[in-house]
PDB file of N, CA and C in Angstrom:
ATOM      1  N   MET A   1      64.276  49.966  47.814  1.00  0.00           N
ATOM      2  CA  MET A   1      63.922  49.133  48.946  1.00  0.00           C
ATOM      3  C   MET A   1      64.590  49.637  50.232  1.00  0.00           C
ATOM      4  N   ILE A   2      65.866  49.974  50.126  1.00  0.00           N
ATOM      5  CA  ILE A   2      66.584  50.471  51.293  1.00  0.00           C
ATOM      6  C   ILE A   2      66.023  51.824  51.722  1.00  0.00           C
ATOM      7  N   PHE A   3      65.622  52.635  50.748  1.00  0.00           N
ATOM      8  CA  PHE A   3      65.052  53.943  51.050  1.00  0.00           C
ATOM      9  C   PHE A   3      63.756  53.808  51.845  1.00  0.00           C
ATOM     10  N   ILE A   4      62.927  52.848  51.472  1.00  0.00           N
ATOM     11  CA  ILE A   4      61.657  52.639  52.182  1.00  0.00           C
ATOM     12  C   ILE A   4      61.917  52.152  53.610  1.00  0.00           C
ATOM     13  N   VAL A   5      62.882  51.267  53.770  1.00  0.00           N
ATOM     14  CA  VAL A   5      63.233  50.789  55.108  1.00  0.00           C
ATOM     15  C   VAL A   5      63.737  51.949  55.963  1.00  0.00           C
ATOM     16  N   PHE A   6      64.554  52.822  55.369  1.00  0.00           N
ATOM     17  CA  PHE A   6      65.051  53.993  56.088  1.00  0.00           C
ATOM     18  C   PHE A   6      63.899  54.907  56.498  1.00  0.00           C
ATOM     19  N   LEU A   7      62.934  55.117  55.610  1.00  0.00           N
ATOM     20  CA  LEU A   7      61.783  55.957  55.946  1.00  0.00           C
ATOM     21  C   LEU A   7      60.955  55.357  57.079  1.00  0.00           C
ATOM     22  N   VAL A   8      60.782  54.050  57.055  1.00  0.00           N
ATOM     23  CA  VAL A   8      60.010  53.393  58.114  1.00  0.00           C
ATOM     24  C   VAL A   8      60.743  53.509  59.451  1.00  0.00           C
ATOM     25  N   ILE A   9      62.057  53.321  59.436  1.00  0.00           N
ATOM     26  CA  ILE A   9      62.829  53.458  60.670  1.00  0.00           C
ATOM     27  C   ILE A   9      62.743  54.881  61.202  1.00  0.00           C
ATOM     28  N   MET A  10      62.836  55.860  60.317  1.00  0.00           N
ATOM     29  CA  MET A  10      62.725  57.254  60.734  1.00  0.00           C
ATOM     30  C   MET A  10      61.328  57.557  61.291  1.00  0.00           C
ATOM     31  N   ALA A  11      60.296  56.970  60.689  1.00  0.00           N
ATOM     32  CA  ALA A  11      58.930  57.178  61.187  1.00  0.00           C
ATOM     33  C   ALA A  11      58.761  56.581  62.575  1.00  0.00           C
ATOM     34  N   VAL A  12      59.354  55.419  62.807  1.00  0.00           N
ATOM     35  CA  VAL A  12      59.281  54.796  64.135  1.00  0.00           C
ATOM     36  C   VAL A  12      60.015  55.657  65.164  1.00  0.00           C
ATOM     37  N   ILE A  13      61.180  56.192  64.786  1.00  0.00           N
ATOM     38  CA  ILE A  13      61.919  57.076  65.687  1.00  0.00           C
ATOM     39  C   ILE A  13      61.105  58.332  65.979  1.00  0.00           C
ATOM     40  N   LEU A  14      60.438  58.874  64.959  1.00  0.00           N
ATOM     41  CA  LEU A  14      59.617  60.066  65.133  1.00  0.00           C
ATOM     42  C   LEU A  14      58.483  59.814  66.120  1.00  0.00           C
ATOM     43  N   ILE A  15      57.780  58.721  65.953  1.00  0.00           N
ATOM     44  CA  ILE A  15      56.660  58.397  66.844  1.00  0.00           C
ATOM     45  C   ILE A  15      57.157  58.119  68.258  1.00  0.00           C
ATOM     46  N   ALA A  16      58.264  57.389  68.374  1.00  0.00           N
ATOM     47  CA  ALA A  16      58.804  57.078  69.700  1.00  0.00           C
ATOM     48  C   ALA A  16      59.251  58.348  70.429  1.00  0.00           C
ATOM     49  N   ALA A  17      59.884  59.264  69.725  1.00  0.00           N
ATOM     50  CA  ALA A  17      60.322  60.511  70.358  1.00  0.00           C
ATOM     51  C   ALA A  17      59.133  61.368  70.768  1.00  0.00           C
ATOM     52  N   ALA A  18      58.088  61.370  69.955  1.00  0.00           N
ATOM     53  CA  ALA A  18      56.895  62.147  70.298  1.00  0.00           C
ATOM     54  C   ALA A  18      56.211  61.578  71.538  1.00  0.00           C
ATOM     55  N   VAL A  19      56.075  60.275  71.601  1.00  0.00           N
ATOM     56  CA  VAL A  19      55.463  59.647  72.773  1.00  0.00           C
ATOM     57  C   VAL A  19      56.338  59.871  74.007  1.00  0.00           C
ATOM     58  N   TYR A  20      57.644  59.749  73.834  1.00  0.00           N
ATOM     59  CA  TYR A  20      58.578  59.988  74.942  1.00  0.00           C
ATOM     60  C   TYR A  20      58.432  61.409  75.479  1.00  0.00           C
ATOM     61  N   SER A  21      58.285  62.376  74.588  1.00  0.00           N
ATOM     62  CA  SER A  21      58.145  63.762  75.015  1.00  0.00           C
ATOM     63  C   SER A  21      56.863  63.988  75.799  1.00  0.00           C
ATOM     64  N   VAL A  22      55.821  63.297  75.419  1.00  0.00           N
ATOM     65  CA  VAL A  22      54.527  63.496  76.085  1.00  0.00           C
ATOM     66  C   VAL A  22      54.499  62.843  77.465  1.00  0.00           C
ATOM     67  N   VAL A  23      55.069  61.654  77.593  1.00  0.00           N
ATOM     68  CA  VAL A  23      54.952  60.929  78.862  1.00  0.00           C
ATOM     69  C   VAL A  23      56.082  61.231  79.835  1.00  0.00           C
ATOM     70  N   GLN A  24      57.107  61.938  79.414  1.00  0.00           N
ATOM     71  CA  GLN A  24      58.255  62.236  80.266  1.00  0.00           C
ATOM     72  C   GLN A  24      57.865  63.218  81.364  1.00  0.00           C
ATOM     73  N   LYS A  25      58.248  62.893  82.605  1.00  0.00           N
ATOM     74  CA  LYS A  25      57.932  63.776  83.727  1.00  0.00           C
ATOM     75  C   LYS A  25      58.952  64.889  83.873  1.00  0.00           C
ATOM     76  N   ASP A  26      60.196  64.627  83.514  1.00  0.00           N
ATOM     77  CA  ASP A  26      61.234  65.642  83.606  1.00  0.00           C
ATOM     78  C   ASP A  26      61.138  66.552  82.376  1.00  0.00           C
ATOM     79  N   LEU A  27      60.958  67.834  82.623  1.00  0.00           N
ATOM     80  CA  LEU A  27      60.742  68.777  81.530  1.00  0.00           C
ATOM     81  C   LEU A  27      61.936  68.884  80.583  1.00  0.00           C
ATOM     82  N   LEU A  28      63.140  68.783  81.124  1.00  0.00           N
ATOM     83  CA  LEU A  28      64.326  68.894  80.288  1.00  0.00           C
ATOM     84  C   LEU A  28      64.390  67.760  79.268  1.00  0.00           C
ATOM     85  N   TYR A  29      64.112  66.541  79.710  1.00  0.00           N
ATOM     86  CA  TYR A  29      64.122  65.410  78.783  1.00  0.00           C
ATOM     87  C   TYR A  29      62.980  65.496  77.779  1.00  0.00           C
ATOM     88  N   ALA A  30      61.852  66.051  78.194  1.00  0.00           N
ATOM     89  CA  ALA A  30      60.737  66.233  77.262  1.00  0.00           C
ATOM     90  C   ALA A  30      61.109  67.219  76.161  1.00  0.00           C
ATOM     91  N   VAL A  31      61.811  68.275  76.516  1.00  0.00           N
ATOM     92  CA  VAL A  31      62.252  69.255  75.518  1.00  0.00           C
ATOM     93  C   VAL A  31      63.267  68.624  74.570  1.00  0.00           C
ATOM     94  N   LEU A  32      64.176  67.822  75.100  1.00  0.00           N
ATOM     95  CA  LEU A  32      65.136  67.141  74.239  1.00  0.00           C
ATOM     96  C   LEU A  32      64.427  66.169  73.288  1.00  0.00           C
ATOM     97  N   GLY A  33      63.352  65.547  73.761  1.00  0.00           N
ATOM     98  CA  GLY A  33      62.564  64.682  72.884  1.00  0.00           C
ATOM     99  C   GLY A  33      61.905  65.457  71.751  1.00  0.00           C
ATOM    100  N   THR A  34      61.426  66.652  72.038  1.00  0.00           N
ATOM    101  CA  THR A  34      60.849  67.463  70.961  1.00  0.00           C
ATOM    102  C   THR A  34      61.920  67.927  69.985  1.00  0.00           C
ATOM    103  N   GLY A  35      63.142  68.104  70.470  1.00  0.00           N
ATOM    104  CA  GLY A  35      64.252  68.417  69.571  1.00  0.00           C
ATOM    105  C   GLY A  35      64.534  67.272  68.616  1.00  0.00           C
ATOM    106  N   VAL A  36      64.438  66.039  69.115  1.00  0.00           N
ATOM    107  CA  VAL A  36      64.623  64.865  68.253  1.00  0.00           C
ATOM    108  C   VAL A  36      63.497  64.790  67.223  1.00  0.00           C
ATOM    109  N   VAL A  37      62.280  65.100  67.638  1.00  0.00           N
ATOM    110  CA  VAL A  37      61.159  65.118  66.690  1.00  0.00           C
ATOM    111  C   VAL A  37      61.426  66.128  65.577  1.00  0.00           C
ATOM    112  N   SER A  38      61.900  67.301  65.930  1.00  0.00           N
ATOM    113  CA  SER A  38      62.199  68.318  64.918  1.00  0.00           C
ATOM    114  C   SER A  38      63.334  67.880  64.006  1.00  0.00           C
ATOM    115  N   LEU A  39      64.326  67.207  64.559  1.00  0.00           N
ATOM    116  CA  LEU A  39      65.434  66.706  63.745  1.00  0.00           C
ATOM    117  C   LEU A  39      64.954  65.693  62.720  1.00  0.00           C
ATOM    118  N   VAL A  40      64.141  64.756  63.152  1.00  0.00           N
ATOM    119  CA  VAL A  40      63.626  63.737  62.226  1.00  0.00           C
ATOM    120  C   VAL A  40      62.723  64.377  61.177  1.00  0.00           C
ATOM    121  N   LEU A  41      61.915  65.348  61.589  1.00  0.00           N
ATOM    122  CA  LEU A  41      61.068  66.041  60.625  1.00  0.00           C
ATOM    123  C   LEU A  41      61.885  66.789  59.579  1.00  0.00           C
ATOM    124  N   SER A  42      62.988  67.401  59.998  1.00  0.00           N
ATOM    125  CA  SER A  42      63.803  68.109  59.015  1.00  0.00           C
ATOM    126  C   SER A  42      64.452  67.135  58.037  1.00  0.00           C
ATOM    127  N   VAL A  43      64.823  65.936  58.507  1.00  0.00           N
ATOM    128  CA  VAL A  43      65.346  64.911  57.585  1.00  0.00           C
ATOM    129  C   VAL A  43      64.254  64.472  56.623  1.00  0.00           C
ATOM    130  N   PHE A  44      63.041  64.284  57.132  1.00  0.00           N
ATOM    131  CA  PHE A  44      61.922  63.922  56.248  1.00  0.00           C
ATOM    132  C   PHE A  44      61.690  64.987  55.174  1.00  0.00           C
ATOM    133  N   PHE A  45      61.691  66.238  55.572  1.00  0.00           N
ATOM    134  CA  PHE A  45      61.486  67.310  54.595  1.00  0.00           C
ATOM    135  C   PHE A  45      62.590  67.331  53.548  1.00  0.00           C
ATOM    136  N   TYR A  46      63.823  67.070  53.972  1.00  0.00           N
ATOM    137  CA  TYR A  46      64.924  67.034  53.014  1.00  0.00           C
ATOM    138  C   TYR A  46      64.759  65.875  52.037  1.00  0.00           C
ATOM    139  N   LEU A  47      64.343  64.728  52.549  1.00  0.00           N
ATOM    140  CA  LEU A  47      64.135  63.562  51.682  1.00  0.00           C
ATOM    141  C   LEU A  47      62.957  63.755  50.729  1.00  0.00           C
ATOM    142  N   LEU A  48      62.013  64.583  51.119  1.00  0.00           N
ATOM    143  CA  LEU A  48      60.877  64.897  50.254  1.00  0.00           C
ATOM    144  C   LEU A  48      61.191  66.035  49.293  1.00  0.00           C
ATOM    145  N   GLN A  49      62.471  66.381  49.196  1.00  0.00           N
ATOM    146  CA  GLN A  49      62.987  67.390  48.289  1.00  0.00           C
ATOM    147  C   GLN A  49      62.404  68.773  48.569  1.00  0.00           C
ATOM    148  N   ALA A  50      62.371  69.101  49.841  1.00  0.00           N
ATOM    149  CA  ALA A  50      61.981  70.443  50.271  1.00  0.00           C
ATOM    150  C   ALA A  50      63.081  70.981  51.178  1.00  0.00           C
ATOM    151  N   PRO A  51      64.250  71.289  50.604  1.00  0.00           N
ATOM    152  CA  PRO A  51      65.382  71.685  51.451  1.00  0.00           C
ATOM    153  C   PRO A  51      65.163  73.004  52.182  1.00  0.00           C
ATOM    154  N   ASP A  52      64.396  73.912  51.608  1.00  0.00           N
ATOM    155  CA  ASP A  52      64.142  75.172  52.294  1.00  0.00           C
ATOM    156  C   ASP A  52      63.324  74.950  53.566  1.00  0.00           C
ATOM    157  N   VAL A  53      62.341  74.071  53.493  1.00  0.00           N
ATOM    158  CA  VAL A  53      61.538  73.750  54.676  1.00  0.00           C
ATOM    159  C   VAL A  53      62.388  72.990  55.689  1.00  0.00           C
ATOM    160  N   ALA A  54      63.269  72.118  55.209  1.00  0.00           N
ATOM    161  CA  ALA A  54      64.133  71.349  56.103  1.00  0.00           C
ATOM    162  C   ALA A  54      65.080  72.270  56.872  1.00  0.00           C
ATOM    163  N   ILE A  55      65.656  73.239  56.182  1.00  0.00           N
ATOM    164  CA  ILE A  55      66.565  74.167  56.844  1.00  0.00           C
ATOM    165  C   ILE A  55      65.811  75.026  57.861  1.00  0.00           C
ATOM    166  N   THR A  56      64.612  75.455  57.506  1.00  0.00           N
ATOM    167  CA  THR A  56      63.807  76.252  58.439  1.00  0.00           C
ATOM    168  C   THR A  56      63.423  75.436  59.660  1.00  0.00           C
ATOM    169  N   GLU A  57      63.016  74.193  59.450  1.00  0.00           N
ATOM    170  CA  GLU A  57      62.660  73.317  60.575  1.00  0.00           C
ATOM    171  C   GLU A  57      63.870  73.066  61.464  1.00  0.00           C
ATOM    172  N   ALA A  58      65.029  72.892  60.864  1.00  0.00           N
ATOM    173  CA  ALA A  58      66.236  72.676  61.658  1.00  0.00           C
ATOM    174  C   ALA A  58      66.592  73.919  62.451  1.00  0.00           C
ATOM    175  N   ALA A  59      66.496  75.065  61.831  1.00  0.00           N
ATOM    176  CA  ALA A  59      66.880  76.304  62.514  1.00  0.00           C
ATOM    177  C   ALA A  59      65.904  76.666  63.623  1.00  0.00           C
ATOM    178  N   ILE A  60      64.626  76.591  63.343  1.00  0.00           N
ATOM    179  CA  ILE A  60      63.619  76.996  64.322  1.00  0.00           C
ATOM    180  C   ILE A  60      63.310  75.868  65.293  1.00  0.00           C
ATOM    181  N   GLY A  61      62.978  74.702  64.761  1.00  0.00           N
ATOM    182  CA  GLY A  61      62.541  73.588  65.611  1.00  0.00           C
ATOM    183  C   GLY A  61      63.623  73.023  66.486  1.00  0.00           C
ATOM    184  N   ILE A  62      64.777  72.756  65.898  1.00  0.00           N
ATOM    185  CA  ILE A  62      65.852  72.139  66.668  1.00  0.00           C
ATOM    186  C   ILE A  62      66.583  73.190  67.491  1.00  0.00           C
ATOM    187  N   ALA A  63      67.042  74.223  66.840  1.00  0.00           N
ATOM    188  CA  ALA A  63      67.929  75.170  67.518  1.00  0.00           C
ATOM    189  C   ALA A  63      67.181  76.160  68.403  1.00  0.00           C
ATOM    190  N   LEU A  64      66.403  77.013  67.802  1.00  0.00           N
ATOM    191  CA  LEU A  64      65.838  78.147  68.524  1.00  0.00           C
ATOM    192  C   LEU A  64      64.842  77.722  69.608  1.00  0.00           C
ATOM    193  N   THR A  65      63.868  76.924  69.254  1.00  0.00           N
ATOM    194  CA  THR A  65      62.840  76.531  70.220  1.00  0.00           C
ATOM    195  C   THR A  65      63.428  75.719  71.363  1.00  0.00           C
ATOM    196  N   THR A  66      64.293  74.763  71.033  1.00  0.00           N
ATOM    197  CA  THR A  66      64.891  73.931  72.074  1.00  0.00           C
ATOM    198  C   THR A  66      65.747  74.768  73.015  1.00  0.00           C
ATOM    199  N   ILE A  67      66.516  75.676  72.477  1.00  0.00           N
ATOM    200  CA  ILE A  67      67.361  76.524  73.322  1.00  0.00           C
ATOM    201  C   ILE A  67      66.517  77.427  74.217  1.00  0.00           C
ATOM    202  N   ILE A  68      65.455  78.008  73.680  1.00  0.00           N
ATOM    203  CA  ILE A  68      64.587  78.871  74.494  1.00  0.00           C
ATOM    204  C   ILE A  68      63.937  78.071  75.620  1.00  0.00           C
ATOM    205  N   PHE A  69      63.460  76.862  75.313  1.00  0.00           N
ATOM    206  CA  PHE A  69      62.852  76.038  76.362  1.00  0.00           C
ATOM    207  C   PHE A  69      63.872  75.639  77.420  1.00  0.00           C
ATOM    208  N   ILE A  70      65.083  75.284  77.011  1.00  0.00           N
ATOM    209  CA  ILE A  70      66.099  74.887  77.985  1.00  0.00           C
ATOM    210  C   ILE A  70      66.486  76.059  78.875  1.00  0.00           C
ATOM    211  N   ILE A  71      66.643  77.239  78.307  1.00  0.00           N
ATOM    212  CA  ILE A  71      66.960  78.418  79.113  1.00  0.00           C
ATOM    213  C   ILE A  71      65.828  78.721  80.088  1.00  0.00           C
ATOM    214  N   THR A  72      64.591  78.591  79.636  1.00  0.00           N
ATOM    215  CA  THR A  72      63.444  78.834  80.515  1.00  0.00           C
ATOM    216  C   THR A  72      63.390  77.838  81.656  1.00  0.00           C
ATOM    217  N   ILE A  73      63.597  76.566  81.352  1.00  0.00           N
ATOM    218  CA  ILE A  73      63.579  75.542  82.402  1.00  0.00           C
ATOM    219  C   ILE A  73      64.727  75.769  83.381  1.00  0.00           C
ATOM    220  N   ARG A  74      65.870  76.171  82.859  1.00  0.00           N
ATOM    221  CA  ARG A  74      67.032  76.412  83.722  1.00  0.00           C
ATOM    222  C   ARG A  74      66.799  77.580  84.677  1.00  0.00           C
ATOM    223  N   ASN A  75      66.040  78.568  84.259  1.00  0.00           N
ATOM    224  CA  ASN A  75      65.816  79.755  85.082  1.00  0.00           C
ATOM    225  C   ASN A  75      64.603  79.638  86.002  1.00  0.00           C
ATOM    226  N   THR A  76      63.928  78.525  85.977  1.00  0.00           N
ATOM    227  CA  THR A  76      62.795  78.316  86.884  1.00  0.00           C
ATOM    228  C   THR A  76      63.140  77.196  87.856  1.00  0.00           C
ATOM    229  N   THR A  77      62.310  77.036  88.887  1.00  0.00           N
ATOM    230  CA  THR A  77      62.554  75.965  89.847  1.00  0.00           C
ATOM    231  C   THR A  77      62.045  74.660  89.272  1.00  0.00           C
ATOM    232  N   ARG A  78      62.724  73.595  89.617  1.00  0.00           N
ATOM    233  CA  ARG A  78      62.372  72.267  89.107  1.00  0.00           C
ATOM    234  C   ARG A  78      61.606  71.521  90.194  1.00  0.00           C
ATOM    235  N   ASP A  79      60.291  71.620  90.202  1.00  0.00           N
ATOM    236  CA  ASP A  79      59.476  71.006  91.238  1.00  0.00           C
ATOM    237  C   ASP A  79      58.530  69.956  90.672  1.00  0.00           C
ATOM    238  N   GLU A  80      58.970  69.210  89.667  1.00  0.00           N
ATOM    239  CA  GLU A  80      58.083  68.209  89.081  1.00  0.00           C
ATOM    240  C   GLU A  80      57.675  67.155  90.110  1.00  0.00           C
ATOM    241  N   ASP A  81      58.638  66.701  90.924  1.00  0.00           N
ATOM    242  CA  ASP A  81      58.349  65.662  91.903  1.00  0.00           C
ATOM    243  C   ASP A  81      57.361  66.150  92.955  1.00  0.00           C
ATOM    244  N   LYS A  82      57.523  67.378  93.403  1.00  0.00           N
ATOM    245  CA  LYS A  82      56.622  67.932  94.410  1.00  0.00           C
ATOM    246  C   LYS A  82      55.198  68.007  93.874  1.00  0.00           C
ATOM    247  N   TYR A  83      55.048  68.502  92.635  1.00  0.00           N
ATOM    248  CA  TYR A  83      53.713  68.646  92.077  1.00  0.00           C
ATOM    249  C   TYR A  83      53.089  67.305  91.740  1.00  0.00           C
ATOM    250  N   SER A  84      53.871  66.342  91.289  1.00  0.00           N
ATOM    251  CA  SER A  84      53.292  65.045  90.984  1.00  0.00           C
ATOM    252  C   SER A  84      52.841  64.350  92.270  1.00  0.00           C
ATOM    253  N   GLU A  85      53.592  64.529  93.379  1.00  0.00           N
ATOM    254  CA  GLU A  85      53.166  63.973  94.653  1.00  0.00           C
ATOM    255  C   GLU A  85      51.889  64.639  95.146  1.00  0.00           C
ATOM    256  N   ASP A  86      51.784  65.954  94.969  1.00  0.00           N
ATOM    257  CA  ASP A  86      50.569  66.666  95.365  1.00  0.00           C
ATOM    258  C   ASP A  86      49.362  66.162  94.586  1.00  0.00           C
ATOM    259  N   LEU A  87      49.545  65.930  93.294  1.00  0.00           N
ATOM    260  CA  LEU A  87      48.436  65.423  92.485  1.00  0.00           C
ATOM    261  C   LEU A  87      48.048  64.015  92.893  1.00  0.00           C
ATOM    262  N   ILE A  88      49.031  63.189  93.200  1.00  0.00           N
ATOM    263  CA  ILE A  88      48.722  61.821  93.634  1.00  0.00           C
ATOM    264  C   ILE A  88      47.949  61.855  94.938  1.00  0.00           C
ATOM    265  N   ASN A  89      48.373  62.690  95.877  1.00  0.00           N
ATOM    266  CA  ASN A  89      47.693  62.765  97.172  1.00  0.00           C
ATOM    267  C   ASN A  89      46.317  63.398  97.055  1.00  0.00           C
ATOM    268  N   ARG A  90      46.143  64.296  96.098  1.00  0.00           N
ATOM    269  CA  ARG A  90      44.855  64.960  95.937  1.00  0.00           C
ATOM    270  C   ARG A  90      43.783  63.982  95.461  1.00  0.00           C
ATOM    271  N   PHE A  91      44.156  63.071  94.570  1.00  0.00           N
ATOM    272  CA  PHE A  91      43.173  62.156  94.002  1.00  0.00           C
ATOM    273  C   PHE A  91      43.209  60.776  94.642  1.00  0.00           C
ATOM    274  N   LYS A  92      43.977  60.621  95.696  1.00  0.00           N
ATOM    275  CA  LYS A  92      44.061  59.366  96.395  1.00  0.00           C
ATOM    276  C   LYS A  92      42.799  59.185  97.227  1.00  0.00           C
ATOM    277  N   PRO A  93      42.159  58.026  97.138  1.00  0.00           N
ATOM    278  CA  PRO A  93      40.939  57.852  97.927  1.00  0.00           C
ATOM    279  C   PRO A  93      41.258  57.791  99.416  1.00  0.00           C
ATOM    280  N   GLU A  94      40.360  58.342 100.195  1.00  0.00           N
ATOM    281  CA  GLU A  94      40.528  58.363 101.638  1.00  0.00           C
ATOM    282  C   GLU A  94      40.355  56.954 102.197  1.00  0.00           C
ATOM    283  N   GLU A  95      41.256  56.593 103.088  1.00  0.00           N
ATOM    284  CA  GLU A  95      41.163  55.277 103.722  1.00  0.00           C
ATOM    285  C   GLU A  95      40.380  55.407 105.017  1.00  0.00           C
ATOM    286  N   ASP A  96      39.520  54.423 105.263  1.00  0.00           N
ATOM    287  CA  ASP A  96      38.746  54.424 106.505  1.00  0.00           C
ATOM    288  C   ASP A  96      39.635  53.919 107.630  1.00  0.00           C
ATOM    289  N   ALA A  97      39.708  54.686 108.707  1.00  0.00           N
ATOM    290  CA  ALA A  97      40.564  54.289 109.835  1.00  0.00           C
ATOM    291  C   ALA A  97      39.779  53.533 110.865  1.00  0.00           C
TER     292      ALA A  97
END
């Protein structure tokens, strides 16, 4: 019974982190959300008695991919606010003066 409750809680965390990653405007937080998704997935794989897949998911999904994305974001300009404002102004209906 406790195991099923734990699985349901982990599934809710997985879905919440995935949705958070998709709707997040700041790229750094979105990448951290995908890292949480990979962490929960590796726990799921371990609980499903697939430790080799869990270790691979932890190494690639959590460590390598997240680090590469963070380094890439760090080495580029952070203009999310500028681009979101441009998109809002582009699709804003013209007001009659």
